[in-house]
Structure formats: C-alpha cells, structure tokens
PDB file of all heavy atoms in Angstrom:
ATOM      1  N   PHE A   1       3.143  32.090 -22.544  1.00  0.00           N
ATOM      2  CA  PHE A   1       3.057  33.536 -22.716  1.00  0.00           C
ATOM      3  C   PHE A   1       3.662  34.215 -21.497  1.00  0.00           C
ATOM      4  O   PHE A   1       3.349  33.854 -20.360  1.00  0.00           O
ATOM      5  CB  PHE A   1       1.603  33.988 -22.873  1.00  0.00           C
ATOM      6  CG  PHE A   1       0.923  33.476 -24.113  1.00  0.00           C
ATOM      7  CD1 PHE A   1       0.279  32.246 -24.113  1.00  0.00           C
ATOM      8  CD2 PHE A   1       0.924  34.225 -25.276  1.00  0.00           C
ATOM      9  CE1 PHE A   1      -0.357  31.772 -25.253  1.00  0.00           C
ATOM     10  CE2 PHE A   1       0.292  33.762 -26.425  1.00  0.00           C
ATOM     11  CZ  PHE A   1      -0.345  32.534 -26.414  1.00  0.00           C
ATOM     12  N   ALA A   2       4.523  35.203 -21.708  1.00  0.00           N
ATOM     13  CA  ALA A   2       5.149  35.925 -20.609  1.00  0.00           C
ATOM     14  C   ALA A   2       5.312  37.387 -20.988  1.00  0.00           C
ATOM     15  O   ALA A   2       5.790  37.705 -22.074  1.00  0.00           O
ATOM     16  CB  ALA A   2       6.503  35.319 -20.267  1.00  0.00           C
ATOM     17  N   LEU A   3       4.912  38.280 -20.078  1.00  0.00           N
ATOM     18  CA  LEU A   3       4.930  39.723 -20.330  1.00  0.00           C
ATOM     19  C   LEU A   3       5.486  40.452 -19.117  1.00  0.00           C
ATOM     20  O   LEU A   3       5.016  40.240 -17.995  1.00  0.00           O
ATOM     21  CB  LEU A   3       3.512  40.231 -20.619  1.00  0.00           C
ATOM     22  CG  LEU A   3       3.368  41.737 -20.877  1.00  0.00           C
ATOM     23  CD1 LEU A   3       3.809  42.069 -22.292  1.00  0.00           C
ATOM     24  CD2 LEU A   3       1.926  42.192 -20.643  1.00  0.00           C
ATOM     25  N   PHE A   4       6.475  41.316 -19.341  1.00  0.00           N
ATOM     26  CA  PHE A   4       7.007  42.141 -18.252  1.00  0.00           C
ATOM     27  C   PHE A   4       6.135  43.371 -18.034  1.00  0.00           C
ATOM     28  O   PHE A   4       5.786  44.075 -18.978  1.00  0.00           O
ATOM     29  CB  PHE A   4       8.430  42.605 -18.563  1.00  0.00           C
ATOM     30  CG  PHE A   4       8.889  43.745 -17.677  1.00  0.00           C
ATOM     31  CD1 PHE A   4       9.392  43.494 -16.423  1.00  0.00           C
ATOM     32  CD2 PHE A   4       8.758  45.066 -18.099  1.00  0.00           C
ATOM     33  CE1 PHE A   4       9.794  44.536 -15.595  1.00  0.00           C
ATOM     34  CE2 PHE A   4       9.152  46.121 -17.285  1.00  0.00           C
ATOM     35  CZ  PHE A   4       9.669  45.853 -16.026  1.00  0.00           C
ATOM     36  N   SER A   5       5.786  43.648 -16.782  1.00  0.00           N
ATOM     37  CA  SER A   5       5.213  44.932 -16.391  1.00  0.00           C
ATOM     38  C   SER A   5       5.335  45.063 -14.883  1.00  0.00           C
ATOM     39  O   SER A   5       4.749  44.287 -14.129  1.00  0.00           O
ATOM     40  CB  SER A   5       3.742  45.067 -16.798  1.00  0.00           C
ATOM     41  OG  SER A   5       3.232  46.319 -16.352  1.00  0.00           O
ATOM     42  N   GLU A   6       6.109  46.036 -14.467  1.00  0.00           N
ATOM     43  CA  GLU A   6       6.283  46.282 -13.033  1.00  0.00           C
ATOM     44  C   GLU A   6       5.120  47.070 -12.464  1.00  0.00           C
ATOM     45  O   GLU A   6       4.772  46.934 -11.292  1.00  0.00           O
ATOM     46  CB  GLU A   6       7.593  47.041 -12.812  1.00  0.00           C
ATOM     47  CG  GLU A   6       7.945  47.279 -11.360  1.00  0.00           C
ATOM     48  CD  GLU A   6       9.306  47.924 -11.184  1.00  0.00           C
ATOM     49  OE1 GLU A   6      10.022  48.089 -12.198  1.00  0.00           O
ATOM     50  OE2 GLU A   6       9.663  48.254 -10.030  1.00  0.00           O
ATOM     51  N   ILE A   7       4.479  47.893 -13.287  1.00  0.00           N
ATOM     52  CA  ILE A   7       3.445  48.794 -12.814  1.00  0.00           C
ATOM     53  C   ILE A   7       2.050  48.165 -12.855  1.00  0.00           C
ATOM     54  O   ILE A   7       1.114  48.643 -12.220  1.00  0.00           O
ATOM     55  CB  ILE A   7       3.462  50.095 -13.647  1.00  0.00           C
ATOM     56  CG1 ILE A   7       2.738  51.227 -12.929  1.00  0.00           C
ATOM     57  CG2 ILE A   7       2.873  49.850 -15.038  1.00  0.00           C
ATOM     58  CD1 ILE A   7       3.450  51.709 -11.685  1.00  0.00           C
ATOM     59  N   ALA A   8       1.889  47.051 -13.591  1.00  0.00           N
ATOM     60  CA  ALA A   8       0.564  46.462 -13.800  1.00  0.00           C
ATOM     61  C   ALA A   8      -0.056  45.981 -12.492  1.00  0.00           C
ATOM     62  O   ALA A   8       0.631  45.490 -11.589  1.00  0.00           O
ATOM     63  CB  ALA A   8       0.652  45.312 -14.786  1.00  0.00           C
ATOM     64  N   GLN A   9      -1.380  46.113 -12.425  1.00  0.00           N
ATOM     65  CA  GLN A   9      -2.152  45.567 -11.305  1.00  0.00           C
ATOM     66  C   GLN A   9      -2.912  44.305 -11.726  1.00  0.00           C
ATOM     67  O   GLN A   9      -3.079  43.386 -10.933  1.00  0.00           O
ATOM     68  CB  GLN A   9      -3.123  46.633 -10.785  1.00  0.00           C
ATOM     69  CG  GLN A   9      -2.399  47.845 -10.215  1.00  0.00           C
ATOM     70  CD  GLN A   9      -3.282  49.060 -10.069  1.00  0.00           C
ATOM     71  OE1 GLN A   9      -4.421  49.090 -10.581  1.00  0.00           O
ATOM     72  NE2 GLN A   9      -2.790  50.091  -9.384  1.00  0.00           N
ATOM     73  N   ARG A  10      -3.342  44.260 -12.983  1.00  0.00           N
ATOM     74  CA  ARG A  10      -3.956  43.057 -13.558  1.00  0.00           C
ATOM     75  C   ARG A  10      -3.561  43.003 -15.038  1.00  0.00           C
ATOM     76  O   ARG A  10      -3.388  44.045 -15.685  1.00  0.00           O
ATOM     77  CB  ARG A  10      -5.485  43.064 -13.432  1.00  0.00           C
ATOM     78  CG  ARG A  10      -6.007  43.081 -12.013  1.00  0.00           C
ATOM     79  CD  ARG A  10      -7.520  43.148 -11.990  1.00  0.00           C
ATOM     80  NE  ARG A  10      -8.139  41.879 -12.365  1.00  0.00           N
ATOM     81  CZ  ARG A  10      -9.469  41.701 -12.496  1.00  0.00           C
ATOM     82  NH1 ARG A  10     -10.288  42.740 -12.345  1.00  0.00           N
ATOM     83  NH2 ARG A  10      -9.952  40.528 -12.810  1.00  0.00           N
ATOM     84  N   VAL A  11      -3.398  41.776 -15.570  1.00  0.00           N
ATOM     85  CA  VAL A  11      -3.031  41.591 -16.968  1.00  0.00           C
ATOM     86  C   VAL A  11      -3.907  40.511 -17.576  1.00  0.00           C
ATOM     87  O   VAL A  11      -4.109  39.446 -16.965  1.00  0.00           O
ATOM     88  CB  VAL A  11      -1.541  41.202 -17.113  1.00  0.00           C
ATOM     89  CG1 VAL A  11      -1.214  40.871 -18.570  1.00  0.00           C
ATOM     90  CG2 VAL A  11      -0.635  42.320 -16.615  1.00  0.00           C
ATOM     91  N   TRP A  12      -4.446  40.776 -18.761  1.00  0.00           N
ATOM     92  CA  TRP A  12      -5.226  39.782 -19.504  1.00  0.00           C
ATOM     93  C   TRP A  12      -4.535  39.476 -20.837  1.00  0.00           C
ATOM     94  O   TRP A  12      -4.150  40.391 -21.578  1.00  0.00           O
ATOM     95  CB  TRP A  12      -6.637  40.299 -19.806  1.00  0.00           C
ATOM     96  CG  TRP A  12      -7.511  40.420 -18.602  1.00  0.00           C
ATOM     97  CD1 TRP A  12      -8.320  39.467 -18.036  1.00  0.00           C
ATOM     98  CD2 TRP A  12      -7.677  41.612 -17.811  1.00  0.00           C
ATOM     99  NE1 TRP A  12      -8.970  39.979 -16.944  1.00  0.00           N
ATOM    100  CE2 TRP A  12      -8.596  41.288 -16.780  1.00  0.00           C
ATOM    101  CE3 TRP A  12      -7.130  42.893 -17.863  1.00  0.00           C
ATOM    102  CZ2 TRP A  12      -8.984  42.215 -15.821  1.00  0.00           C
ATOM    103  CZ3 TRP A  12      -7.510  43.817 -16.910  1.00  0.00           C
ATOM    104  CH2 TRP A  12      -8.427  43.477 -15.907  1.00  0.00           C
ATOM    105  N   LEU A  13      -4.384  38.208 -21.108  1.00  0.00           N
ATOM    106  CA  LEU A  13      -3.997  37.758 -22.439  1.00  0.00           C
ATOM    107  C   LEU A  13      -5.267  37.666 -23.261  1.00  0.00           C
ATOM    108  O   LEU A  13      -6.252  37.032 -22.838  1.00  0.00           O
ATOM    109  CB  LEU A  13      -3.313  36.392 -22.357  1.00  0.00           C
ATOM    110  CG  LEU A  13      -3.079  35.662 -23.679  1.00  0.00           C
ATOM    111  CD1 LEU A  13      -2.063  36.403 -24.530  1.00  0.00           C
ATOM    112  CD2 LEU A  13      -2.623  34.222 -23.415  1.00  0.00           C
ATOM    113  N   CYS A  14      -5.268  38.284 -24.436  1.00  0.00           N
ATOM    114  CA  CYS A  14      -6.457  38.326 -25.282  1.00  0.00           C
ATOM    115  C   CYS A  14      -6.210  37.496 -26.539  1.00  0.00           C
ATOM    116  O   CYS A  14      -5.371  37.854 -27.369  1.00  0.00           O
ATOM    117  CB  CYS A  14      -6.796  39.765 -25.654  1.00  0.00           C
ATOM    118  SG  CYS A  14      -6.978  40.850 -24.223  1.00  0.00           S
ATOM    119  N   LEU A  15      -6.939  36.396 -26.671  1.00  0.00           N
ATOM    120  CA  LEU A  15      -6.840  35.521 -27.839  1.00  0.00           C
ATOM    121  C   LEU A  15      -7.908  35.934 -28.839  1.00  0.00           C
ATOM    122  O   LEU A  15      -9.084  36.094 -28.494  1.00  0.00           O
ATOM    123  CB  LEU A  15      -7.021  34.063 -27.423  1.00  0.00           C
ATOM    124  CG  LEU A  15      -6.044  33.570 -26.342  1.00  0.00           C
ATOM    125  CD1 LEU A  15      -6.410  32.149 -25.912  1.00  0.00           C
ATOM    126  CD2 LEU A  15      -4.606  33.631 -26.833  1.00  0.00           C
ATOM    127  N   LEU A  16      -7.510  36.106 -30.099  1.00  0.00           N
ATOM    128  CA  LEU A  16      -8.402  36.670 -31.111  1.00  0.00           C
ATOM    129  C   LEU A  16      -8.671  35.671 -32.219  1.00  0.00           C
ATOM    130  O   LEU A  16      -7.766  34.947 -32.657  1.00  0.00           O
ATOM    131  CB  LEU A  16      -7.779  37.934 -31.710  1.00  0.00           C
ATOM    132  CG  LEU A  16      -7.270  38.991 -30.718  1.00  0.00           C
ATOM    133  CD1 LEU A  16      -6.573  40.111 -31.463  1.00  0.00           C
ATOM    134  CD2 LEU A  16      -8.417  39.535 -29.885  1.00  0.00           C
ATOM    135  N   ASP A  17      -9.932  35.638 -32.689  1.00  0.00           N
ATOM    136  CA  ASP A  17     -10.233  34.837 -33.868  1.00  0.00           C
ATOM    137  C   ASP A  17     -10.109  35.711 -35.109  1.00  0.00           C
ATOM    138  O   ASP A  17      -9.682  36.866 -35.037  1.00  0.00           O
ATOM    139  CB  ASP A  17     -11.614  34.188 -33.753  1.00  0.00           C
ATOM    140  CG  ASP A  17     -12.765  35.197 -33.724  1.00  0.00           C
ATOM    141  OD1 ASP A  17     -12.541  36.380 -34.096  1.00  0.00           O
ATOM    142  OD2 ASP A  17     -13.877  34.818 -33.341  1.00  0.00           O
ATOM    143  N   GLU A  18     -10.492  35.179 -36.269  1.00  0.00           N
ATOM    144  CA  GLU A  18     -10.300  35.906 -37.524  1.00  0.00           C
ATOM    145  C   GLU A  18     -11.082  37.210 -37.582  1.00  0.00           C
ATOM    146  O   GLU A  18     -10.710  38.136 -38.293  1.00  0.00           O
ATOM    147  CB  GLU A  18     -10.686  35.012 -38.705  1.00  0.00           C
ATOM    148  CG  GLU A  18      -9.737  33.838 -38.915  1.00  0.00           C
ATOM    149  CD  GLU A  18     -10.116  33.013 -40.132  1.00  0.00           C
ATOM    150  OE1 GLU A  18     -11.146  33.352 -40.768  1.00  0.00           O
ATOM    151  OE2 GLU A  18      -9.391  32.058 -40.449  1.00  0.00           O
ATOM    152  N   ASP A  19     -12.197  37.282 -36.850  1.00  0.00           N
ATOM    153  CA  ASP A  19     -13.017  38.494 -36.837  1.00  0.00           C
ATOM    154  C   ASP A  19     -12.678  39.408 -35.668  1.00  0.00           C
ATOM    155  O   ASP A  19     -13.415  40.339 -35.374  1.00  0.00           O
ATOM    156  CB  ASP A  19     -14.499  38.108 -36.785  1.00  0.00           C
ATOM    157  CG  ASP A  19     -14.929  37.314 -38.012  1.00  0.00           C
ATOM    158  OD1 ASP A  19     -14.476  37.668 -39.116  1.00  0.00           O
ATOM    159  OD2 ASP A  19     -15.690  36.337 -37.860  1.00  0.00           O
ATOM    160  N   ARG A  20     -11.591  39.105 -34.991  1.00  0.00           N
ATOM    161  CA  ARG A  20     -11.134  39.857 -33.814  1.00  0.00           C
ATOM    162  C   ARG A  20     -12.119  39.755 -32.648  1.00  0.00           C
ATOM    163  O   ARG A  20     -12.211  40.678 -31.830  1.00  0.00           O
ATOM    164  CB  ARG A  20     -10.857  41.326 -34.161  1.00  0.00           C
ATOM    165  CG  ARG A  20      -9.675  41.521 -35.109  1.00  0.00           C
ATOM    166  CD  ARG A  20      -8.477  42.099 -34.399  1.00  0.00           C
ATOM    167  NE  ARG A  20      -7.290  42.088 -35.233  1.00  0.00           N
ATOM    168  CZ  ARG A  20      -6.344  43.015 -35.214  1.00  0.00           C
ATOM    169  NH1 ARG A  20      -6.450  44.047 -34.405  1.00  0.00           N
ATOM    170  NH2 ARG A  20      -5.282  42.903 -35.984  1.00  0.00           N
ATOM    171  N   ASN A  21     -12.837  38.639 -32.585  1.00  0.00           N
ATOM    172  CA  ASN A  21     -13.567  38.352 -31.367  1.00  0.00           C
ATOM    173  C   ASN A  21     -12.561  37.906 -30.324  1.00  0.00           C
ATOM    174  O   ASN A  21     -11.619  37.165 -30.622  1.00  0.00           O
ATOM    175  CB  ASN A  21     -14.618  37.265 -31.601  1.00  0.00           C
ATOM    176  CG  ASN A  21     -15.685  37.700 -32.592  1.00  0.00           C
ATOM    177  OD1 ASN A  21     -16.271  38.771 -32.438  1.00  0.00           O
ATOM    178  ND2 ASN A  21     -15.925  36.896 -33.620  1.00  0.00           N
ATOM    179  N   GLU A  22     -12.756  38.322 -29.108  1.00  0.00           N
ATOM    180  CA  GLU A  22     -11.728  38.249 -28.083  1.00  0.00           C
ATOM    181  C   GLU A  22     -12.089  37.263 -26.976  1.00  0.00           C
ATOM    182  O   GLU A  22     -13.208  37.270 -26.459  1.00  0.00           O
ATOM    183  CB  GLU A  22     -11.548  39.660 -27.511  1.00  0.00           C
ATOM    184  CG  GLU A  22     -10.615  39.815 -26.356  1.00  0.00           C
ATOM    185  CD  GLU A  22     -10.610  41.242 -25.837  1.00  0.00           C
ATOM    186  OE1 GLU A  22     -11.443  42.056 -26.326  1.00  0.00           O
ATOM    187  OE2 GLU A  22      -9.810  41.545 -24.944  1.00  0.00           O
ATOM    188  N   THR A  23     -11.137  36.406 -26.645  1.00  0.00           N
ATOM    189  CA  THR A  23     -11.254  35.543 -25.465  1.00  0.00           C
ATOM    190  C   THR A  23     -10.165  35.952 -24.495  1.00  0.00           C
ATOM    191  O   THR A  23      -8.983  35.879 -24.819  1.00  0.00           O
ATOM    192  CB  THR A  23     -11.079  34.060 -25.838  1.00  0.00           C
ATOM    193  OG1 THR A  23     -12.093  33.684 -26.774  1.00  0.00           O
ATOM    194  CG2 THR A  23     -11.162  33.184 -24.597  1.00  0.00           C
ATOM    195  N   ARG A  24     -10.578  36.385 -23.296  1.00  0.00           N
ATOM    196  CA  ARG A  24      -9.601  36.876 -22.332  1.00  0.00           C
ATOM    197  C   ARG A  24      -9.182  35.781 -21.355  1.00  0.00           C
ATOM    198  O   ARG A  24     -10.019  35.016 -20.865  1.00  0.00           O
ATOM    199  CB  ARG A  24     -10.154  38.068 -21.550  1.00  0.00           C
ATOM    200  CG  ARG A  24     -10.445  39.291 -22.394  1.00  0.00           C
ATOM    201  CD  ARG A  24     -10.778  40.491 -21.511  1.00  0.00           C
ATOM    202  NE  ARG A  24     -11.155  41.653 -22.315  1.00  0.00           N
ATOM    203  CZ  ARG A  24     -11.419  42.856 -21.820  1.00  0.00           C
ATOM    204  NH1 ARG A  24     -11.345  43.047 -20.494  1.00  0.00           N
ATOM    205  NH2 ARG A  24     -11.754  43.844 -22.610  1.00  0.00           N
TER     206      ARG A  24
END
C-alpha cells in the first residue's frame, strides 16, 4: 500500500470487513 501526501502528519490504512468494522 502506498499513498502520496505531502501535508500529512500521520496516516492510517483502514482495513474493513463486510460490516465495515475497521482495523487500523
């Protein structure tokens, strides 16, 4: 996974299950 952001201070990848429960 790779995401561009010059302005970001912190970034979380959020993995979702079928019910949109989130694992960061």
